[in-house]
Amino acid sequence: MKKIIVAAAAALLAVGAQAATYKDGSYTGEGKGRESVITVQVDVKGGKIADVKVVKHGETEMIIAAPIEQMIPEIVKKNGVEGVDSVGGATLSSEGIKAAVKDALSKAQ
């Protein structure tokens, strides 16, 4: 019985973490990519991520293009970086974007 209760509590916590709400506004954050610091702007509306833009970076354009195209829609959809996979061949740029988003969201809590 204890195991069932613990499992149910853990599931509720996981759902609560995904349903995080943030203060509305625009927030910037930074994360380390392969070649540079990546700066993003995260726009929050209605307590959820509405948009993410990479506003500054020194990464190779061909390399960072894939994470921008593939990851940003997932970050918006999932309302954060949890469960968003890095793009193969652009792992460090991907991780830099995710770190920058986390940094921005830390200011929106």
C-alpha atoms as a PDB file:
ATOM      1  CA  MET A   1       0.000   0.000   0.000  1.00  0.00           C
ATOM      2  CA  LYS A   2       2.835   2.392   0.869  1.00  0.00           C
ATOM      3  CA  LYS A   3       4.429   1.797  -2.524  1.00  0.00           C
ATOM      4  CA  ILE A   4       1.198   2.731  -4.298  1.00  0.00           C
ATOM      5  CA  ILE A   5       0.845   5.929  -2.298  1.00  0.00           C
ATOM      6  CA  VAL A   6       4.483   6.878  -2.910  1.00  0.00           C
ATOM      7  CA  ALA A   7       4.128   6.175  -6.637  1.00  0.00           C
ATOM      8  CA  ALA A   8       0.947   8.247  -6.825  1.00  0.00           C
ATOM      9  CA  ALA A   9       2.596  11.134  -4.977  1.00  0.00           C
ATOM     10  CA  ALA A  10       5.607  10.989  -7.312  1.00  0.00           C
ATOM     11  CA  ALA A  11       3.310  11.033 -10.357  1.00  0.00           C
ATOM     12  CA  LEU A  12       1.461  14.072  -9.028  1.00  0.00           C
ATOM     13  CA  LEU A  13       4.748  15.882  -8.411  1.00  0.00           C
ATOM     14  CA  ALA A  14       5.900  15.110 -11.946  1.00  0.00           C
ATOM     15  CA  VAL A  15       2.658  16.485 -13.405  1.00  0.00           C
ATOM     16  CA  GLY A  16       2.940  19.572 -11.209  1.00  0.00           C
ATOM     17  CA  ALA A  17       6.494  20.204 -12.371  1.00  0.00           C
ATOM     18  CA  GLN A  18       5.405  20.108 -16.014  1.00  0.00           C
ATOM     19  CA  ALA A  19       2.530  22.474 -15.356  1.00  0.00           C
ATOM     20  CA  ALA A  20       4.816  25.174 -13.984  1.00  0.00           C
ATOM     21  CA  THR A  21       3.501  28.678 -14.365  1.00  0.00           C
ATOM     22  CA  TYR A  22       5.670  31.716 -14.786  1.00  0.00           C
ATOM     23  CA  LYS A  23       5.181  35.447 -14.391  1.00  0.00           C
ATOM     24  CA  ASP A  24       4.203  37.074 -17.680  1.00  0.00           C
ATOM     25  CA  GLY A  25       6.895  39.128 -19.392  1.00  0.00           C
ATOM     26  CA  SER A  26      10.066  38.834 -21.462  1.00  0.00           C
ATOM     27  CA  TYR A  27      13.152  37.371 -19.863  1.00  0.00           C
ATOM     28  CA  THR A  28      16.694  36.907 -21.127  1.00  0.00           C
ATOM     29  CA  GLY A  29      19.065  34.140 -20.194  1.00  0.00           C
ATOM     30  CA  GLU A  30      22.525  32.906 -21.124  1.00  0.00           C
ATOM     31  CA  GLY A  31      24.063  29.488 -21.625  1.00  0.00           C
ATOM     32  CA  LYS A  32      27.436  28.248 -22.843  1.00  0.00           C
ATOM     33  CA  GLY A  33      27.472  26.753 -26.328  1.00  0.00           C
ATOM     34  CA  ARG A  34      30.449  25.262 -28.165  1.00  0.00           C
ATOM     35  CA  GLU A  35      31.935  28.512 -29.440  1.00  0.00           C
ATOM     36  CA  SER A  36      30.216  31.220 -27.422  1.00  0.00           C
ATOM     37  CA  VAL A  37      27.659  32.294 -24.897  1.00  0.00           C
ATOM     38  CA  ILE A  38      24.149  31.913 -26.299  1.00  0.00           C
ATOM     39  CA  THR A  39      21.578  34.532 -25.265  1.00  0.00           C
ATOM     40  CA  VAL A  40      17.863  33.811 -25.534  1.00  0.00           C
ATOM     41  CA  GLN A  41      14.703  35.799 -24.933  1.00  0.00           C
ATOM     42  CA  VAL A  42      11.795  33.871 -23.453  1.00  0.00           C
ATOM     43  CA  ASP A  43       8.337  35.452 -23.695  1.00  0.00           C
ATOM     44  CA  VAL A  44       5.773  34.301 -21.147  1.00  0.00           C
ATOM     45  CA  LYS A  45       2.049  34.913 -21.617  1.00  0.00           C
ATOM     46  CA  GLY A  46      -0.727  33.469 -19.486  1.00  0.00           C
ATOM     47  CA  GLY A  47       1.858  31.844 -17.230  1.00  0.00           C
ATOM     48  CA  LYS A  48       3.286  29.702 -20.050  1.00  0.00           C
ATOM     49  CA  ILE A  49       6.131  30.015 -22.518  1.00  0.00           C
ATOM     50  CA  ALA A  50       4.766  31.729 -25.621  1.00  0.00           C
ATOM     51  CA  ASP A  51       8.004  32.134 -27.595  1.00  0.00           C
ATOM     52  CA  VAL A  52      11.753  31.611 -27.404  1.00  0.00           C
ATOM     53  CA  LYS A  53      14.216  33.504 -29.579  1.00  0.00           C
ATOM     54  CA  VAL A  54      17.977  33.149 -29.807  1.00  0.00           C
ATOM     55  CA  VAL A  55      18.997  36.807 -29.797  1.00  0.00           C
ATOM     56  CA  LYS A  56      22.788  36.507 -29.741  1.00  0.00           C
ATOM     57  CA  HIS A  57      25.389  33.807 -30.311  1.00  0.00           C
ATOM     58  CA  GLY A  58      28.770  33.183 -31.869  1.00  0.00           C
ATOM     59  CA  GLU A  59      28.078  29.609 -32.896  1.00  0.00           C
ATOM     60  CA  THR A  60      28.496  28.328 -36.445  1.00  0.00           C
ATOM     61  CA  GLU A  61      25.216  29.180 -38.218  1.00  0.00           C
ATOM     62  CA  MET A  62      24.899  25.735 -39.829  1.00  0.00           C
ATOM     63  CA  ILE A  63      25.323  24.041 -36.458  1.00  0.00           C
ATOM     64  CA  ILE A  64      22.944  26.153 -34.364  1.00  0.00           C
ATOM     65  CA  ALA A  65      20.223  26.257 -37.038  1.00  0.00           C
ATOM     66  CA  ALA A  66      19.027  22.717 -36.279  1.00  0.00           C
ATOM     67  CA  PRO A  67      18.608  23.205 -32.508  1.00  0.00           C
ATOM     68  CA  ILE A  68      16.794  26.492 -33.096  1.00  0.00           C
ATOM     69  CA  GLU A  69      14.437  24.898 -35.624  1.00  0.00           C
ATOM     70  CA  GLN A  70      13.838  21.620 -33.790  1.00  0.00           C
ATOM     71  CA  MET A  71      14.133  22.400 -30.079  1.00  0.00           C
ATOM     72  CA  ILE A  72      12.421  25.768 -29.701  1.00  0.00           C
ATOM     73  CA  PRO A  73       8.960  24.509 -30.745  1.00  0.00           C
ATOM     74  CA  GLU A  74       9.406  21.607 -28.282  1.00  0.00           C
ATOM     75  CA  ILE A  75      10.445  23.963 -25.482  1.00  0.00           C
ATOM     76  CA  VAL A  76       7.318  26.052 -26.075  1.00  0.00           C
ATOM     77  CA  LYS A  77       5.103  22.957 -26.314  1.00  0.00           C
ATOM     78  CA  LYS A  78       6.522  21.392 -23.131  1.00  0.00           C
ATOM     79  CA  ASN A  79       6.637  24.733 -21.286  1.00  0.00           C
ATOM     80  CA  GLY A  80      10.306  24.200 -20.436  1.00  0.00           C
ATOM     81  CA  VAL A  81      13.363  22.149 -21.308  1.00  0.00           C
ATOM     82  CA  GLU A  82      12.450  18.964 -19.416  1.00  0.00           C
ATOM     83  CA  GLY A  83      12.137  16.129 -21.908  1.00  0.00           C
ATOM     84  CA  VAL A  84      13.526  18.155 -24.811  1.00  0.00           C
ATOM     85  CA  ASP A  85      16.257  16.192 -26.568  1.00  0.00           C
ATOM     86  CA  SER A  86      19.448  17.806 -27.794  1.00  0.00           C
ATOM     87  CA  VAL A  87      20.090  17.718 -31.525  1.00  0.00           C
ATOM     88  CA  GLY A  88      22.753  15.234 -32.614  1.00  0.00           C
ATOM     89  CA  GLY A  89      25.764  16.910 -34.197  1.00  0.00           C
ATOM     90  CA  ALA A  90      24.917  20.119 -32.346  1.00  0.00           C
ATOM     91  CA  THR A  91      24.909  18.840 -28.778  1.00  0.00           C
ATOM     92  CA  LEU A  92      26.854  21.704 -27.205  1.00  0.00           C
ATOM     93  CA  SER A  93      24.796  24.355 -28.972  1.00  0.00           C
ATOM     94  CA  SER A  94      21.634  22.503 -27.939  1.00  0.00           C
ATOM     95  CA  GLU A  95      22.769  22.348 -24.325  1.00  0.00           C
ATOM     96  CA  GLY A  96      23.635  26.057 -24.461  1.00  0.00           C
ATOM     97  CA  ILE A  97      20.126  26.919 -25.633  1.00  0.00           C
ATOM     98  CA  LYS A  98      18.564  24.781 -22.901  1.00  0.00           C
ATOM     99  CA  ALA A  99      20.802  26.343 -20.241  1.00  0.00           C
ATOM    100  CA  ALA A 100      19.907  29.831 -21.480  1.00  0.00           C
ATOM    101  CA  VAL A 101      16.176  29.020 -21.360  1.00  0.00           C
ATOM    102  CA  LYS A 102      16.544  27.664 -17.814  1.00  0.00           C
ATOM    103  CA  ASP A 103      18.401  30.844 -16.842  1.00  0.00           C
ATOM    104  CA  ALA A 104      15.639  33.033 -18.306  1.00  0.00           C
ATOM    105  CA  LEU A 105      12.876  30.990 -16.654  1.00  0.00           C
ATOM    106  CA  SER A 106      14.589  31.256 -13.275  1.00  0.00           C
ATOM    107  CA  LYS A 107      13.850  34.981 -13.500  1.00  0.00           C
ATOM    108  CA  ALA A 108      10.190  34.335 -14.335  1.00  0.00           C
ATOM    109  CA  GLN A 109       9.359  32.371 -11.200  1.00  0.00           C
END
